[in-house]
Amino acid sequence: MTYKIQIDHTIQNATANQAAVIDAQRAEAESLAAAADAKAAALASAHIKLAALGLNDDEIAAIIGA
C-alpha cells in the first residue's frame, strides 16, 4: 500500500521501510483492539453466567470487580 507522510511542511510518499512500520503499527493496533473486544465479551459472558446462578449485581461485582 502507498502511504503519504508529512515531514515538516512537505508531503511525500513513504519509503518501503516507512510503509512497513505503518503496516506493523496498524496490525498491532488491530490486534490490541481485538484483544480488548474479546476481554469485554468474556466479562459480559461471566456476568450473565453468574446472574443465571442467582447472584445479584452487587455479588457479581464483588466477584469479578466490575
Protein backbone atom coordinates (compact mmCIF):
# COMPACT_ATOMS: atom_id res chain seq x y z
CA MET A 1 0.00 0.00 0.00
CA THR A 2 1.21 3.50 -0.74
CA TYR A 3 1.19 5.95 2.13
CA LYS A 4 1.65 9.69 2.15
CA ILE A 5 3.64 11.13 5.03
CA GLN A 6 4.27 14.69 6.08
CA ILE A 7 7.68 15.83 7.24
CA ASP A 8 7.62 19.45 8.32
CA HIS A 9 5.59 21.11 5.55
CA THR A 10 6.41 18.59 2.82
CA ILE A 11 4.10 15.74 1.88
CA GLN A 12 5.76 12.80 0.17
CA ASN A 13 5.33 9.09 -0.50
CA ALA A 14 6.51 6.85 2.31
CA THR A 15 9.55 4.70 1.67
CA ALA A 16 9.23 0.92 1.77
CA ASN A 17 10.65 0.89 5.31
CA GLN A 18 8.25 3.58 6.50
CA ALA A 19 5.32 1.74 4.90
CA ALA A 20 6.39 -1.47 6.65
CA VAL A 21 6.45 0.34 10.01
CA ILE A 22 2.99 1.82 9.35
CA ASP A 23 1.63 -1.62 8.42
CA ALA A 24 3.15 -3.19 11.55
CA GLN A 25 1.69 -0.47 13.77
CA ARG A 26 -1.72 -0.85 12.16
CA ALA A 27 -1.63 -4.64 12.66
CA GLU A 28 -0.63 -4.19 16.31
CA ALA A 29 -3.45 -1.70 16.88
CA GLU A 30 -5.97 -4.08 15.32
CA SER A 31 -4.65 -6.93 17.47
CA LEU A 32 -4.95 -4.86 20.64
CA ALA A 33 -8.49 -3.83 19.71
CA ALA A 34 -9.46 -7.46 19.08
CA ALA A 35 -7.99 -8.49 22.44
CA ALA A 36 -9.93 -5.72 24.21
CA ASP A 37 -13.14 -6.80 22.48
CA ALA A 38 -12.54 -10.43 23.49
CA LYS A 39 -11.94 -9.43 27.09
CA ALA A 40 -15.14 -7.36 27.16
CA ALA A 41 -17.10 -10.26 25.68
CA ALA A 42 -15.68 -12.66 28.27
CA LEU A 43 -16.59 -10.28 31.08
CA ALA A 44 -20.16 -9.93 29.80
CA SER A 45 -20.43 -13.70 29.46
CA ALA A 46 -19.19 -14.19 33.03
CA HIS A 47 -21.74 -11.67 34.29
CA ILE A 48 -24.59 -13.47 32.51
CA LYS A 49 -23.48 -16.87 33.80
CA LEU A 50 -23.16 -15.64 37.39
CA ALA A 51 -26.58 -13.99 37.18
CA ALA A 52 -28.03 -17.28 35.93
CA LEU A 53 -26.67 -18.89 39.10
CA GLY A 54 -28.79 -16.47 41.13
CA LEU A 55 -26.22 -13.86 42.13
CA ASN A 56 -27.31 -10.22 42.24
CA ASP A 57 -25.36 -7.36 40.66
CA ASP A 58 -23.56 -6.44 43.89
CA GLU A 59 -22.39 -10.02 44.41
CA ILE A 60 -21.25 -10.30 40.80
CA ALA A 61 -19.35 -7.02 41.06
CA ALA A 62 -17.62 -8.29 44.20
CA ILE A 63 -16.50 -11.42 42.37
CA ILE A 64 -15.41 -10.01 39.01
CA GLY A 65 -14.57 -6.50 40.12
CA ALA A 66 -16.73 -4.73 37.60
